[in-house]
Amino acid sequence: MAVAESLTGGMVAAALVDVAGASLVVRGGVVAYATDVKAQLLGVDEVLLTRVGSVDAEVAEQMAGGVRSIMGATYGLSTTGVAGPDPVDGKPVGMVYVAVVGPGISRVKALGLSGDRAGIRAQSVQAVLALLAEELDARAREEPPGLEG
């Protein structure tokens, strides 16, 4: 997996690598805090960014897809939103989007979080990891059991 982070600034990657053996599944991450970095490095559509700003469901989806592509990962995760203390581009504090893009799936979740800056960032990390866990659980249920020999 690979991670593209804005408001969480590396916290998702840090949470992933806190787990022993993470090097078997974590390819890397990009902290794309600035809008131009989202476009230039992750391939987020510049017209979209100009039109809606960086806090948007489609931006989150493109960030996850972009980091998945550049890192050669099976899954791409992303976070974008407003942690505060002030609104950004007309978006209120606590508006967050998390996304997971993988083989045949693209899931984005909109969150209306409350709390201080640290709390919103921590909740965002938990939310994107929960979204990934839901997807992995769903995949595991779809796969047929192995043949016993």
Protein backbone atom coordinates (compact mmCIF):
# COMPACT_ATOMS: atom_id res chain seq x y z
CA MET A 1 0.00 0.00 0.00
CA ALA A 2 0.97 3.64 -0.41
CA VAL A 3 -0.33 6.79 1.27
CA ALA A 4 -0.99 10.35 0.05
CA GLU A 5 -1.58 12.68 2.97
CA SER A 6 -2.55 16.30 3.29
CA LEU A 7 -4.03 17.27 6.66
CA THR A 8 -2.53 14.24 8.42
CA GLY A 9 1.00 15.19 7.34
CA GLY A 10 2.51 11.69 7.56
CA MET A 11 0.50 10.36 10.49
CA VAL A 12 -1.11 7.57 8.41
CA ALA A 13 2.27 6.34 7.20
CA ALA A 14 3.59 6.54 10.76
CA ALA A 15 0.64 4.50 12.06
CA LEU A 16 1.22 1.85 9.40
CA VAL A 17 4.93 1.51 10.08
CA ASP A 18 4.36 1.29 13.83
CA VAL A 19 3.31 -2.31 13.13
CA ALA A 20 6.14 -4.84 13.03
CA GLY A 21 6.52 -6.27 9.54
CA ALA A 22 5.13 -3.17 7.85
CA SER A 23 7.95 -3.26 5.33
CA LEU A 24 6.21 -6.25 3.74
CA VAL A 25 3.19 -4.16 2.76
CA VAL A 26 4.01 -0.43 2.90
CA ARG A 27 5.56 0.96 -0.30
CA GLY A 28 5.81 4.58 0.80
CA GLY A 29 4.00 7.84 1.20
CA VAL A 30 3.71 11.40 -0.01
CA VAL A 31 2.84 14.38 2.16
CA ALA A 32 1.16 16.67 -0.35
CA TYR A 33 0.18 19.60 1.81
CA ALA A 34 0.32 22.24 -0.93
CA THR A 35 -2.24 22.22 -3.73
CA ASP A 36 0.39 22.40 -6.47
CA VAL A 37 2.11 19.30 -5.04
CA LYS A 38 -1.19 17.42 -5.25
CA ALA A 39 -1.34 18.29 -8.95
CA GLN A 40 2.32 17.98 -9.93
CA LEU A 41 3.33 14.93 -7.91
CA LEU A 42 0.09 12.98 -7.47
CA GLY A 43 -1.57 13.91 -10.77
CA VAL A 44 -4.69 15.48 -9.28
CA ASP A 45 -6.53 17.41 -12.00
CA GLU A 46 -5.53 21.09 -11.79
CA VAL A 47 -8.88 22.24 -13.16
CA LEU A 48 -10.64 20.28 -10.42
CA LEU A 49 -8.37 21.81 -7.77
CA THR A 50 -9.06 25.32 -9.11
CA ARG A 51 -12.80 24.68 -9.22
CA VAL A 52 -13.37 22.96 -5.85
CA GLY A 53 -10.17 23.40 -3.85
CA SER A 54 -8.23 20.60 -2.22
CA VAL A 55 -10.92 19.50 0.24
CA ASP A 56 -13.17 17.41 -1.98
CA ALA A 57 -14.18 13.78 -2.49
CA GLU A 58 -12.85 13.61 -6.05
CA VAL A 59 -9.55 15.18 -4.98
CA ALA A 60 -9.20 12.51 -2.27
CA GLU A 61 -9.93 9.79 -4.81
CA GLN A 62 -7.39 11.17 -7.29
CA MET A 63 -4.76 11.50 -4.55
CA ALA A 64 -5.22 7.84 -3.59
CA GLY A 65 -5.13 6.73 -7.22
CA GLY A 66 -2.09 8.88 -7.93
CA VAL A 67 0.00 7.59 -5.04
CA ARG A 68 -1.03 4.03 -5.88
CA SER A 69 0.25 4.54 -9.40
CA ILE A 70 3.54 6.29 -8.64
CA MET A 71 4.43 3.86 -5.85
CA GLY A 72 3.36 0.74 -7.73
CA ALA A 73 1.07 -0.26 -4.86
CA THR A 74 -1.98 -2.49 -4.77
CA TYR A 75 -3.84 0.03 -2.59
CA GLY A 76 -3.57 3.79 -2.36
CA LEU A 77 -4.91 5.68 0.67
CA SER A 78 -5.44 9.41 1.02
CA THR A 79 -6.52 12.09 3.46
CA THR A 80 -7.52 15.66 2.73
CA GLY A 81 -9.51 18.10 4.81
CA VAL A 82 -9.59 20.99 7.24
CA ALA A 83 -8.09 20.40 10.67
CA GLY A 84 -8.36 24.02 11.77
CA PRO A 85 -8.20 26.28 13.49
CA ASP A 86 -9.80 28.20 10.58
CA PRO A 87 -11.94 27.22 7.58
CA VAL A 88 -10.14 26.74 4.23
CA ASP A 89 -11.58 27.70 0.83
CA GLY A 90 -15.02 28.03 2.40
CA LYS A 91 -14.85 24.51 3.89
CA PRO A 92 -15.52 24.26 7.63
CA VAL A 93 -13.14 22.90 10.20
CA GLY A 94 -13.72 19.17 10.50
CA MET A 95 -14.65 18.55 6.86
CA VAL A 96 -12.43 15.65 5.83
CA TYR A 97 -12.34 13.14 2.98
CA VAL A 98 -10.52 9.82 3.14
CA ALA A 99 -10.12 7.46 0.21
CA VAL A 100 -8.94 3.98 -0.67
CA VAL A 101 -8.27 3.00 -4.29
CA GLY A 102 -7.33 -0.54 -5.22
CA PRO A 103 -7.99 -3.31 -7.72
CA GLY A 104 -11.51 -2.72 -8.97
CA ILE A 105 -12.47 -0.41 -6.10
CA SER A 106 -12.52 3.25 -5.32
CA ARG A 107 -14.06 4.27 -2.01
CA VAL A 108 -14.28 7.77 -0.59
CA LYS A 109 -15.78 8.67 2.75
CA ALA A 110 -16.82 12.17 3.78
CA LEU A 111 -16.37 12.97 7.46
CA GLY A 112 -17.75 15.77 9.58
CA LEU A 113 -15.37 15.69 12.52
CA SER A 114 -15.25 17.78 15.65
CA GLY A 115 -12.59 18.59 18.16
CA ASP A 116 -9.31 20.45 18.11
CA ARG A 117 -6.72 20.24 15.35
CA ALA A 118 -4.91 17.26 16.88
CA GLY A 119 -8.17 15.41 17.44
CA ILE A 120 -9.40 15.94 13.89
CA ARG A 121 -6.09 14.73 12.49
CA ALA A 122 -6.11 11.63 14.73
CA GLN A 123 -9.72 10.82 13.79
CA SER A 124 -8.80 11.17 10.11
CA VAL A 125 -6.02 8.59 10.50
CA GLN A 126 -8.41 6.19 12.22
CA ALA A 127 -11.04 6.74 9.50
CA VAL A 128 -8.79 5.99 6.53
CA LEU A 129 -7.36 2.90 8.22
CA ALA A 130 -10.90 1.73 9.05
CA LEU A 131 -11.91 2.25 5.40
CA LEU A 132 -8.95 0.12 4.30
CA ALA A 133 -9.81 -2.56 6.88
CA GLU A 134 -13.41 -2.67 5.61
CA GLU A 135 -12.18 -3.17 2.06
CA LEU A 136 -9.70 -5.88 3.03
CA ASP A 137 -12.38 -7.67 5.08
CA ALA A 138 -14.78 -7.52 2.13
CA ARG A 139 -12.09 -8.91 -0.19
CA ALA A 140 -11.33 -11.73 2.22
CA ARG A 141 -15.01 -12.73 2.33
CA GLU A 142 -15.20 -12.76 -1.50
CA GLU A 143 -12.19 -15.04 -2.03
CA PRO A 144 -13.01 -18.74 -2.17
CA PRO A 145 -11.42 -20.87 0.54
CA GLY A 146 -8.21 -22.66 -0.40
CA LEU A 147 -8.24 -26.32 -1.28
CA GLU A 148 -7.00 -28.55 1.46
CA GLY A 149 -4.75 -31.33 0.34
